[in-house]
N, C-alpha and C. Protein backbone atom coordinates (compact mmCIF):
# COMPACT_ATOMS: atom_id res chain seq x y z
N UNK A 1 135.89 94.37 -15.32
CA UNK A 1 136.79 93.37 -14.78
C UNK A 1 136.15 91.99 -14.97
N UNK A 2 136.87 91.11 -15.56
CA UNK A 2 136.35 89.76 -15.75
C UNK A 2 136.85 88.86 -14.65
N UNK A 3 136.02 87.97 -14.30
CA UNK A 3 136.34 87.03 -13.22
C UNK A 3 136.38 85.64 -13.82
N UNK A 4 137.46 84.93 -13.58
CA UNK A 4 137.53 83.56 -14.08
C UNK A 4 136.72 82.65 -13.18
N UNK A 5 136.08 81.71 -13.80
CA UNK A 5 135.27 80.76 -13.06
C UNK A 5 136.09 79.49 -12.87
N UNK A 6 136.21 79.09 -11.63
CA UNK A 6 136.97 77.88 -11.33
C UNK A 6 136.18 76.66 -11.78
N UNK A 7 136.80 75.86 -12.61
CA UNK A 7 136.16 74.62 -13.04
C UNK A 7 136.55 73.53 -12.06
N UNK A 8 135.54 72.87 -11.56
CA UNK A 8 135.79 71.80 -10.59
C UNK A 8 135.82 70.47 -11.31
N UNK A 9 136.85 69.72 -11.04
CA UNK A 9 136.87 68.36 -11.58
C UNK A 9 136.04 67.49 -10.65
N UNK A 10 135.56 66.36 -11.14
CA UNK A 10 134.75 65.49 -10.27
C UNK A 10 135.53 65.14 -9.01
N UNK A 11 134.84 65.13 -7.88
CA UNK A 11 135.53 64.84 -6.63
C UNK A 11 135.96 63.38 -6.54
N UNK A 12 137.01 63.18 -5.77
CA UNK A 12 137.43 61.83 -5.43
C UNK A 12 136.37 61.26 -4.49
N UNK A 13 136.06 60.00 -4.61
CA UNK A 13 135.03 59.46 -3.71
C UNK A 13 135.35 59.72 -2.25
N UNK A 14 134.33 60.13 -1.50
CA UNK A 14 134.49 60.42 -0.09
C UNK A 14 133.46 59.70 0.73
N UNK A 15 133.05 60.30 1.86
CA UNK A 15 132.10 59.68 2.77
C UNK A 15 130.79 59.30 2.09
N UNK A 16 130.36 60.13 1.12
CA UNK A 16 129.09 59.85 0.46
C UNK A 16 129.17 58.66 -0.49
N UNK A 17 130.40 58.23 -0.82
CA UNK A 17 130.58 57.10 -1.73
C UNK A 17 130.86 55.78 -1.00
N UNK A 18 130.88 55.83 0.33
CA UNK A 18 131.00 54.58 1.08
C UNK A 18 129.82 53.69 0.71
N UNK A 19 129.92 52.40 0.89
CA UNK A 19 128.76 51.56 0.62
C UNK A 19 127.64 51.82 1.63
N UNK A 20 126.42 51.52 1.24
CA UNK A 20 125.28 51.69 2.14
C UNK A 20 125.27 50.63 3.24
N UNK A 21 125.91 49.49 2.97
CA UNK A 21 126.02 48.41 3.96
C UNK A 21 127.46 47.94 4.01
N UNK A 22 127.83 47.39 5.15
CA UNK A 22 129.20 46.86 5.28
C UNK A 22 129.23 45.38 4.91
N UNK A 23 130.40 44.77 5.04
CA UNK A 23 130.58 43.36 4.66
C UNK A 23 129.70 42.42 5.48
N UNK A 24 129.29 42.86 6.66
CA UNK A 24 128.43 42.02 7.51
C UNK A 24 126.94 42.29 7.28
N UNK A 25 126.62 43.14 6.31
CA UNK A 25 125.23 43.42 5.99
C UNK A 25 124.58 44.49 6.85
N UNK A 26 125.37 45.14 7.70
CA UNK A 26 124.82 46.22 8.52
C UNK A 26 124.75 47.50 7.69
N UNK A 27 123.71 48.28 7.89
CA UNK A 27 123.62 49.56 7.21
C UNK A 27 124.61 50.53 7.84
N UNK A 28 125.09 51.46 7.04
CA UNK A 28 126.02 52.46 7.54
C UNK A 28 125.35 53.82 7.59
N UNK A 29 125.64 54.57 8.62
CA UNK A 29 125.15 55.94 8.76
C UNK A 29 126.36 56.84 8.99
N UNK A 30 126.42 57.94 8.25
CA UNK A 30 127.46 58.94 8.47
C UNK A 30 126.80 60.06 9.28
N UNK A 31 127.32 60.33 10.46
CA UNK A 31 126.71 61.30 11.36
C UNK A 31 127.05 62.73 10.91
N UNK A 32 126.00 63.56 10.82
CA UNK A 32 126.16 64.97 10.46
C UNK A 32 125.76 65.90 11.61
N UNK A 33 125.01 65.39 12.56
CA UNK A 33 124.61 66.19 13.72
C UNK A 33 124.64 65.29 14.94
N UNK A 34 125.37 65.71 15.92
CA UNK A 34 125.53 64.96 17.16
C UNK A 34 124.30 65.17 18.05
N UNK A 35 123.83 64.13 18.69
CA UNK A 35 122.72 64.27 19.65
C UNK A 35 123.11 65.31 20.69
N UNK A 36 122.18 66.23 20.99
CA UNK A 36 122.44 67.26 21.98
C UNK A 36 123.10 68.51 21.42
N UNK A 37 123.45 68.50 20.14
CA UNK A 37 124.12 69.64 19.53
C UNK A 37 123.12 70.51 18.78
N UNK A 38 123.45 71.78 18.65
CA UNK A 38 122.67 72.70 17.82
C UNK A 38 123.20 72.75 16.40
N UNK A 39 124.42 72.26 16.18
CA UNK A 39 125.06 72.36 14.87
C UNK A 39 124.69 71.20 13.96
N UNK A 40 124.36 71.54 12.70
CA UNK A 40 124.10 70.54 11.67
C UNK A 40 125.14 70.77 10.58
N UNK A 41 125.89 69.72 10.29
CA UNK A 41 126.89 69.77 9.24
C UNK A 41 126.33 69.07 8.01
N UNK A 42 126.91 69.37 6.87
CA UNK A 42 126.48 68.72 5.63
C UNK A 42 127.75 68.33 4.88
N UNK A 43 127.75 67.11 4.38
CA UNK A 43 128.92 66.64 3.66
C UNK A 43 129.00 67.32 2.30
N UNK A 44 130.15 67.91 1.98
CA UNK A 44 130.40 68.53 0.69
C UNK A 44 131.37 67.64 -0.08
N UNK A 45 130.89 66.96 -1.14
CA UNK A 45 131.76 66.03 -1.86
C UNK A 45 132.93 66.70 -2.55
N UNK A 46 132.81 67.97 -2.93
CA UNK A 46 133.93 68.66 -3.58
C UNK A 46 135.03 68.98 -2.58
N UNK A 47 134.65 69.34 -1.37
CA UNK A 47 135.65 69.60 -0.33
C UNK A 47 136.06 68.32 0.40
N UNK A 48 135.24 67.28 0.26
CA UNK A 48 135.41 66.03 0.99
C UNK A 48 135.52 66.28 2.49
N UNK A 49 134.59 67.10 2.95
CA UNK A 49 134.58 67.47 4.36
C UNK A 49 133.16 67.81 4.77
N UNK A 50 132.93 67.72 6.07
CA UNK A 50 131.67 68.20 6.62
C UNK A 50 131.79 69.71 6.80
N UNK A 51 130.78 70.43 6.34
CA UNK A 51 130.75 71.88 6.40
C UNK A 51 129.57 72.29 7.27
N UNK A 52 129.76 73.28 8.12
CA UNK A 52 128.65 73.75 8.96
C UNK A 52 127.53 74.22 8.05
N UNK A 53 126.37 73.61 8.20
CA UNK A 53 125.22 73.90 7.34
C UNK A 53 124.28 74.88 8.03
N UNK A 54 124.02 74.66 9.30
CA UNK A 54 123.14 75.57 10.04
C UNK A 54 123.28 75.29 11.53
N UNK A 55 122.82 76.23 12.31
CA UNK A 55 122.76 76.05 13.76
C UNK A 55 121.31 76.26 14.19
N UNK A 56 120.84 75.39 15.05
CA UNK A 56 119.48 75.51 15.57
C UNK A 56 119.40 76.69 16.54
N UNK A 57 118.21 77.25 16.71
CA UNK A 57 118.05 78.35 17.67
C UNK A 57 118.40 77.90 19.10
N UNK A 58 118.79 78.88 19.90
CA UNK A 58 119.11 78.63 21.30
C UNK A 58 117.96 77.90 21.98
N UNK A 59 118.27 76.89 22.75
CA UNK A 59 117.25 76.13 23.47
C UNK A 59 116.78 74.89 22.74
N UNK A 60 117.27 74.67 21.53
CA UNK A 60 116.90 73.46 20.78
C UNK A 60 118.15 72.71 20.39
N UNK A 61 118.00 71.41 20.23
CA UNK A 61 119.14 70.59 19.83
C UNK A 61 118.62 69.31 19.18
N UNK A 62 119.50 68.63 18.49
CA UNK A 62 119.12 67.35 17.88
C UNK A 62 118.87 66.32 18.98
N UNK A 63 117.74 65.62 18.91
CA UNK A 63 117.40 64.67 19.97
C UNK A 63 118.23 63.39 19.92
N UNK A 64 118.67 63.01 18.75
CA UNK A 64 119.49 61.81 18.54
C UNK A 64 120.49 62.16 17.44
N UNK A 65 121.47 61.31 17.25
CA UNK A 65 122.41 61.53 16.16
C UNK A 65 121.67 61.44 14.83
N UNK A 66 122.03 62.31 13.91
CA UNK A 66 121.34 62.42 12.64
C UNK A 66 122.38 62.47 11.53
N UNK A 67 122.09 61.78 10.44
CA UNK A 67 123.05 61.78 9.34
C UNK A 67 122.44 61.24 8.07
N UNK A 68 123.28 60.57 7.28
CA UNK A 68 122.83 60.04 6.00
C UNK A 68 123.37 58.65 5.76
N UNK A 69 122.68 57.93 4.87
CA UNK A 69 123.14 56.61 4.43
C UNK A 69 123.93 56.83 3.14
N UNK A 70 125.23 56.50 3.14
CA UNK A 70 126.04 56.74 1.94
C UNK A 70 125.58 55.91 0.75
N UNK A 71 125.97 56.36 -0.42
CA UNK A 71 125.66 55.69 -1.69
C UNK A 71 124.16 55.56 -1.95
N UNK A 72 123.39 56.52 -1.40
CA UNK A 72 121.95 56.58 -1.66
C UNK A 72 121.62 57.99 -2.14
N UNK A 73 120.45 58.13 -2.74
CA UNK A 73 120.00 59.43 -3.21
C UNK A 73 118.50 59.51 -3.02
N UNK A 74 118.06 60.56 -2.34
CA UNK A 74 116.64 60.78 -2.12
C UNK A 74 116.07 61.74 -3.14
N UNK A 75 114.77 61.92 -3.10
CA UNK A 75 114.09 62.81 -4.04
C UNK A 75 114.57 64.25 -3.90
N UNK A 76 115.07 64.62 -2.70
CA UNK A 76 115.54 65.99 -2.48
C UNK A 76 116.95 66.23 -3.04
N UNK A 77 117.56 65.20 -3.64
CA UNK A 77 118.90 65.34 -4.22
C UNK A 77 120.03 65.05 -3.27
N UNK A 78 119.72 64.74 -2.02
CA UNK A 78 120.72 64.41 -1.01
C UNK A 78 120.64 62.92 -0.69
N UNK A 79 121.69 62.38 -0.05
CA UNK A 79 121.57 61.00 0.44
C UNK A 79 120.41 60.88 1.43
N UNK A 80 119.91 59.66 1.61
CA UNK A 80 118.79 59.43 2.52
C UNK A 80 119.16 59.79 3.95
N UNK A 81 118.23 60.44 4.65
CA UNK A 81 118.43 60.85 6.03
C UNK A 81 118.18 59.69 6.98
N UNK A 82 118.96 59.65 8.06
CA UNK A 82 118.79 58.60 9.05
C UNK A 82 119.00 59.17 10.46
N UNK A 83 118.12 58.79 11.36
CA UNK A 83 118.23 59.14 12.77
C UNK A 83 118.70 57.88 13.48
N UNK A 84 119.78 57.98 14.27
CA UNK A 84 120.39 56.80 14.87
C UNK A 84 120.23 56.82 16.39
N UNK A 85 119.60 55.79 16.92
CA UNK A 85 119.48 55.61 18.36
C UNK A 85 120.76 54.92 18.83
N UNK A 86 121.45 55.55 19.77
CA UNK A 86 122.70 54.98 20.27
C UNK A 86 122.93 55.42 21.71
N UNK A 87 123.84 54.73 22.38
CA UNK A 87 124.07 54.97 23.80
C UNK A 87 124.73 56.32 24.09
N UNK A 88 125.66 56.70 23.26
CA UNK A 88 126.43 57.93 23.46
C UNK A 88 126.50 58.65 22.13
N UNK A 89 126.41 59.96 22.15
CA UNK A 89 126.44 60.74 20.91
C UNK A 89 127.77 60.54 20.18
N UNK A 90 127.70 60.40 18.87
CA UNK A 90 128.89 60.26 18.03
C UNK A 90 129.20 61.59 17.37
N UNK A 91 130.47 61.84 17.18
CA UNK A 91 130.91 63.08 16.55
C UNK A 91 130.55 63.10 15.07
N UNK A 92 130.28 64.29 14.52
CA UNK A 92 130.04 64.38 13.07
C UNK A 92 131.20 63.79 12.28
N UNK A 93 130.86 63.05 11.23
CA UNK A 93 131.86 62.38 10.41
C UNK A 93 132.07 60.93 10.78
N UNK A 94 131.55 60.52 11.93
CA UNK A 94 131.67 59.13 12.36
C UNK A 94 130.77 58.25 11.51
N UNK A 95 131.29 57.10 11.11
CA UNK A 95 130.50 56.11 10.38
C UNK A 95 130.01 55.09 11.40
N UNK A 96 128.70 54.92 11.48
CA UNK A 96 128.09 54.06 12.50
C UNK A 96 127.39 52.88 11.82
N UNK A 97 127.89 51.65 12.03
CA UNK A 97 127.14 50.48 11.56
C UNK A 97 125.85 50.35 12.38
N UNK A 98 124.75 50.10 11.73
CA UNK A 98 123.48 50.04 12.44
C UNK A 98 122.48 49.13 11.74
N UNK A 99 121.35 48.93 12.40
CA UNK A 99 120.26 48.15 11.81
C UNK A 99 119.04 49.04 11.70
N UNK A 100 118.36 48.93 10.59
CA UNK A 100 117.15 49.71 10.38
C UNK A 100 116.01 49.12 11.21
N UNK A 101 115.20 49.99 11.80
CA UNK A 101 114.03 49.52 12.54
C UNK A 101 112.73 50.10 11.97
N UNK A 102 112.84 51.17 11.18
CA UNK A 102 111.64 51.76 10.62
C UNK A 102 111.93 53.01 9.83
N UNK A 103 110.85 53.68 9.45
CA UNK A 103 110.95 54.88 8.63
C UNK A 103 109.76 55.79 8.94
N UNK A 104 110.03 57.08 8.98
CA UNK A 104 108.97 58.08 9.01
C UNK A 104 108.88 58.60 7.58
N UNK A 105 107.83 58.20 6.88
CA UNK A 105 107.63 58.68 5.53
C UNK A 105 107.07 60.08 5.62
N UNK A 106 107.67 61.00 4.87
CA UNK A 106 107.28 62.41 4.99
C UNK A 106 107.47 63.13 3.67
N UNK A 107 106.84 64.27 3.59
CA UNK A 107 107.06 65.14 2.44
C UNK A 107 107.39 66.53 2.96
N UNK A 108 108.11 67.26 2.15
CA UNK A 108 108.44 68.63 2.52
C UNK A 108 108.09 69.54 1.35
N UNK A 109 107.70 70.77 1.70
CA UNK A 109 107.32 71.75 0.69
C UNK A 109 108.11 73.02 0.92
N UNK A 110 108.76 73.48 -0.15
CA UNK A 110 109.49 74.74 -0.10
C UNK A 110 109.31 75.42 -1.44
N UNK A 111 109.01 76.71 -1.39
CA UNK A 111 108.82 77.51 -2.60
C UNK A 111 107.83 76.86 -3.56
N UNK A 112 106.77 76.28 -2.99
CA UNK A 112 105.71 75.68 -3.79
C UNK A 112 106.04 74.32 -4.37
N UNK A 113 107.20 73.80 -4.09
CA UNK A 113 107.61 72.48 -4.60
C UNK A 113 107.56 71.47 -3.47
N UNK A 114 106.81 70.39 -3.69
CA UNK A 114 106.67 69.34 -2.69
C UNK A 114 107.41 68.09 -3.14
N UNK A 115 108.15 67.49 -2.23
CA UNK A 115 108.88 66.25 -2.53
C UNK A 115 108.95 65.38 -1.29
N UNK A 116 109.22 64.11 -1.49
CA UNK A 116 109.41 63.18 -0.37
C UNK A 116 110.75 63.47 0.28
N UNK A 117 110.78 63.34 1.60
CA UNK A 117 112.03 63.46 2.36
C UNK A 117 111.87 62.67 3.64
N UNK A 118 111.93 61.35 3.49
CA UNK A 118 111.72 60.43 4.60
C UNK A 118 112.87 60.47 5.60
N UNK A 119 112.60 59.95 6.80
CA UNK A 119 113.61 59.81 7.85
C UNK A 119 113.69 58.33 8.23
N UNK A 120 114.82 57.72 7.91
CA UNK A 120 115.05 56.35 8.34
C UNK A 120 115.34 56.35 9.83
N UNK A 121 114.95 55.29 10.52
CA UNK A 121 115.22 55.13 11.95
C UNK A 121 116.08 53.89 12.12
N UNK A 122 117.20 54.05 12.81
CA UNK A 122 118.15 52.94 12.95
C UNK A 122 118.68 52.88 14.37
N UNK A 123 119.20 51.73 14.73
CA UNK A 123 119.83 51.51 16.03
C UNK A 123 121.30 51.17 15.78
N UNK A 124 122.19 51.84 16.49
CA UNK A 124 123.62 51.57 16.36
C UNK A 124 123.91 50.13 16.74
N UNK A 125 124.70 49.47 15.92
CA UNK A 125 125.11 48.10 16.21
C UNK A 125 125.91 48.09 17.52
N UNK A 126 125.61 47.17 18.37
CA UNK A 126 126.33 47.07 19.64
C UNK A 126 125.79 47.98 20.73
N UNK A 127 124.68 48.67 20.48
CA UNK A 127 124.10 49.53 21.50
C UNK A 127 123.60 48.67 22.67
N UNK A 128 123.87 49.13 23.87
CA UNK A 128 123.36 48.44 25.05
C UNK A 128 121.93 48.90 25.36
N UNK A 129 121.74 50.20 25.36
CA UNK A 129 120.43 50.77 25.71
C UNK A 129 119.33 50.36 24.74
N UNK A 130 119.67 50.26 23.46
CA UNK A 130 118.65 49.96 22.45
C UNK A 130 118.80 48.56 21.85
N UNK A 131 119.52 47.68 22.54
CA UNK A 131 119.78 46.35 21.97
C UNK A 131 118.51 45.54 21.72
N UNK A 132 117.47 45.80 22.49
CA UNK A 132 116.22 45.06 22.31
C UNK A 132 115.33 45.69 21.23
N UNK A 133 115.72 46.83 20.74
CA UNK A 133 114.92 47.55 19.75
C UNK A 133 115.22 46.96 18.35
N UNK A 134 114.27 46.21 17.84
CA UNK A 134 114.44 45.55 16.54
C UNK A 134 113.35 45.94 15.54
N UNK A 135 112.23 46.50 16.07
CA UNK A 135 111.10 46.86 15.21
C UNK A 135 110.65 48.27 15.58
N UNK A 136 109.92 48.88 14.69
CA UNK A 136 109.40 50.21 14.95
C UNK A 136 108.54 50.20 16.22
N UNK A 137 107.80 49.11 16.44
CA UNK A 137 106.93 49.01 17.62
C UNK A 137 107.73 49.03 18.92
N UNK A 138 109.04 48.79 18.86
CA UNK A 138 109.88 48.81 20.06
C UNK A 138 110.24 50.24 20.49
N UNK A 139 109.92 51.22 19.64
CA UNK A 139 110.17 52.62 19.99
C UNK A 139 108.85 53.21 20.48
N UNK A 140 108.88 53.81 21.64
CA UNK A 140 107.68 54.39 22.22
C UNK A 140 107.04 55.39 21.25
N UNK A 141 105.72 55.31 21.10
CA UNK A 141 105.00 56.20 20.18
C UNK A 141 105.20 57.67 20.56
N UNK A 142 105.32 57.96 21.84
CA UNK A 142 105.56 59.34 22.27
C UNK A 142 106.90 59.86 21.79
N UNK A 143 107.91 59.00 21.77
CA UNK A 143 109.23 59.39 21.25
C UNK A 143 109.12 59.68 19.76
N UNK A 144 108.39 58.85 19.03
CA UNK A 144 108.22 59.08 17.59
C UNK A 144 107.46 60.38 17.34
N UNK A 145 106.46 60.67 18.17
CA UNK A 145 105.75 61.95 18.04
C UNK A 145 106.71 63.12 18.23
N UNK A 146 107.58 63.03 19.23
CA UNK A 146 108.54 64.10 19.50
C UNK A 146 109.52 64.25 18.35
N UNK A 147 109.96 63.15 17.77
CA UNK A 147 110.88 63.20 16.63
C UNK A 147 110.20 63.90 15.45
N UNK A 148 108.96 63.56 15.18
CA UNK A 148 108.24 64.21 14.08
C UNK A 148 108.10 65.71 14.32
N UNK A 149 107.77 66.08 15.55
CA UNK A 149 107.65 67.52 15.87
C UNK A 149 108.99 68.22 15.73
N UNK A 150 110.06 67.55 16.14
CA UNK A 150 111.39 68.14 15.97
C UNK A 150 111.65 68.44 14.50
N UNK A 151 111.39 67.48 13.61
CA UNK A 151 111.66 67.71 12.19
C UNK A 151 110.73 68.75 11.58
N UNK A 152 109.51 68.86 12.09
CA UNK A 152 108.62 69.94 11.65
C UNK A 152 109.24 71.29 12.01
N UNK A 153 109.72 71.42 13.25
CA UNK A 153 110.34 72.66 13.71
C UNK A 153 111.65 72.92 12.96
N UNK A 154 112.48 71.91 12.86
CA UNK A 154 113.79 72.03 12.20
C UNK A 154 113.63 72.55 10.77
N UNK A 155 112.69 71.98 10.03
CA UNK A 155 112.47 72.41 8.66
C UNK A 155 111.82 73.79 8.59
N UNK A 156 110.93 74.09 9.52
CA UNK A 156 110.29 75.42 9.52
C UNK A 156 111.33 76.52 9.67
N UNK A 157 112.43 76.24 10.38
CA UNK A 157 113.49 77.24 10.54
C UNK A 157 114.14 77.60 9.21
N UNK A 158 113.99 76.71 8.22
CA UNK A 158 114.55 76.96 6.88
C UNK A 158 113.48 77.39 5.89
N UNK A 159 112.27 77.63 6.40
CA UNK A 159 111.18 78.02 5.51
C UNK A 159 110.60 76.85 4.73
N UNK A 160 110.75 75.66 5.27
CA UNK A 160 110.26 74.45 4.62
C UNK A 160 109.21 73.80 5.51
N UNK A 161 108.09 73.41 4.90
CA UNK A 161 107.06 72.68 5.64
C UNK A 161 107.38 71.19 5.57
N UNK A 162 107.41 70.53 6.71
CA UNK A 162 107.69 69.09 6.80
C UNK A 162 106.42 68.43 7.30
N UNK A 163 105.92 67.46 6.54
CA UNK A 163 104.67 66.80 6.92
C UNK A 163 104.86 65.29 6.98
N UNK A 164 104.85 64.72 8.20
CA UNK A 164 104.89 63.26 8.31
C UNK A 164 103.65 62.66 7.67
N UNK A 165 103.83 61.62 6.87
CA UNK A 165 102.72 60.96 6.19
C UNK A 165 102.31 59.69 6.89
N UNK A 166 103.30 58.88 7.27
CA UNK A 166 103.01 57.64 8.00
C UNK A 166 104.32 57.08 8.53
N UNK A 167 104.17 56.15 9.45
CA UNK A 167 105.31 55.42 10.00
C UNK A 167 105.23 54.00 9.47
N UNK A 168 106.38 53.45 9.13
CA UNK A 168 106.41 52.08 8.61
C UNK A 168 107.62 51.36 9.20
N UNK A 169 107.60 50.05 9.11
CA UNK A 169 108.61 49.22 9.74
C UNK A 169 109.88 49.01 8.93
N UNK A 170 110.64 48.04 9.40
CA UNK A 170 111.97 47.74 8.85
C UNK A 170 111.94 47.44 7.36
N UNK A 171 110.99 46.65 6.92
CA UNK A 171 110.95 46.28 5.50
C UNK A 171 110.76 47.49 4.61
N UNK A 172 109.90 48.41 5.02
CA UNK A 172 109.71 49.65 4.25
C UNK A 172 110.99 50.48 4.25
N UNK A 173 111.70 50.50 5.38
CA UNK A 173 112.96 51.22 5.46
C UNK A 173 114.00 50.60 4.52
N UNK A 174 114.06 49.27 4.51
CA UNK A 174 115.01 48.60 3.62
C UNK A 174 114.67 48.85 2.15
N UNK A 175 113.37 48.86 1.82
CA UNK A 175 112.97 49.18 0.44
C UNK A 175 113.40 50.60 0.07
N UNK A 176 113.28 51.53 1.01
CA UNK A 176 113.68 52.92 0.75
C UNK A 176 115.18 53.01 0.49
N UNK A 177 115.98 52.27 1.27
CA UNK A 177 117.43 52.27 1.06
C UNK A 177 117.76 51.68 -0.31
N UNK A 178 117.10 50.58 -0.66
CA UNK A 178 117.35 49.96 -1.97
C UNK A 178 116.99 50.92 -3.09
N UNK A 179 115.86 51.61 -2.97
CA UNK A 179 115.47 52.60 -3.99
C UNK A 179 116.48 53.74 -4.04
N UNK A 180 116.98 54.16 -2.88
CA UNK A 180 117.99 55.22 -2.81
C UNK A 180 119.30 54.80 -3.44
N UNK A 181 119.68 53.55 -3.25
CA UNK A 181 120.90 53.03 -3.88
C UNK A 181 120.75 53.01 -5.39
N UNK A 182 119.59 52.56 -5.85
CA UNK A 182 119.33 52.50 -7.28
C UNK A 182 119.35 53.92 -7.89
N UNK A 183 118.72 54.88 -7.20
CA UNK A 183 118.71 56.27 -7.69
C UNK A 183 120.12 56.83 -7.76
N UNK A 184 120.96 56.52 -6.78
CA UNK A 184 122.36 57.00 -6.78
C UNK A 184 123.13 56.41 -7.95
N UNK A 185 122.90 55.14 -8.25
CA UNK A 185 123.59 54.50 -9.37
C UNK A 185 123.20 55.12 -10.69
N UNK A 186 121.95 55.54 -10.81
CA UNK A 186 121.46 56.13 -12.05
C UNK A 186 121.91 57.59 -12.23
N UNK A 187 122.24 58.24 -11.12
CA UNK A 187 122.61 59.68 -11.18
C UNK A 187 123.96 59.91 -11.82
């Protein structure tokens, strides 16, 4: 019995094709995991929808909203990851204008292959709780330690080793977004 293979035409631009910044110069984040949720969704450009990617084990949840910066591409082949500090958790698929405050530079290893997979840190525009947070130094070091441990655990659940390399400020985060935009344009 022969099976026909469905040929997919290129997808119509979706959430991943939004600009990385809006008209006011704010960075955009598309939320894939709501703070407090065990569910992680992943944007599928062919379906133009968020698809359930994985669920965290019972007793664990995302500490903050987590998603991606559209129109960027990281070394792992996905848009750049971003963790967003905000007053109230946003639903997956929500586009959040925000400002970058820093980056956790990291590498991950799976099946003997090591690549960079940084985590951008951003604050939602208009946040009341985090309105004074403008630099990486404005985030408590203990919170950053917990975030790094979360990503170590999160990746270990997929059989991937996640190793934080260093923390850097807003300018390094902006350089990473620019490099991600350039990589997406070349792809």
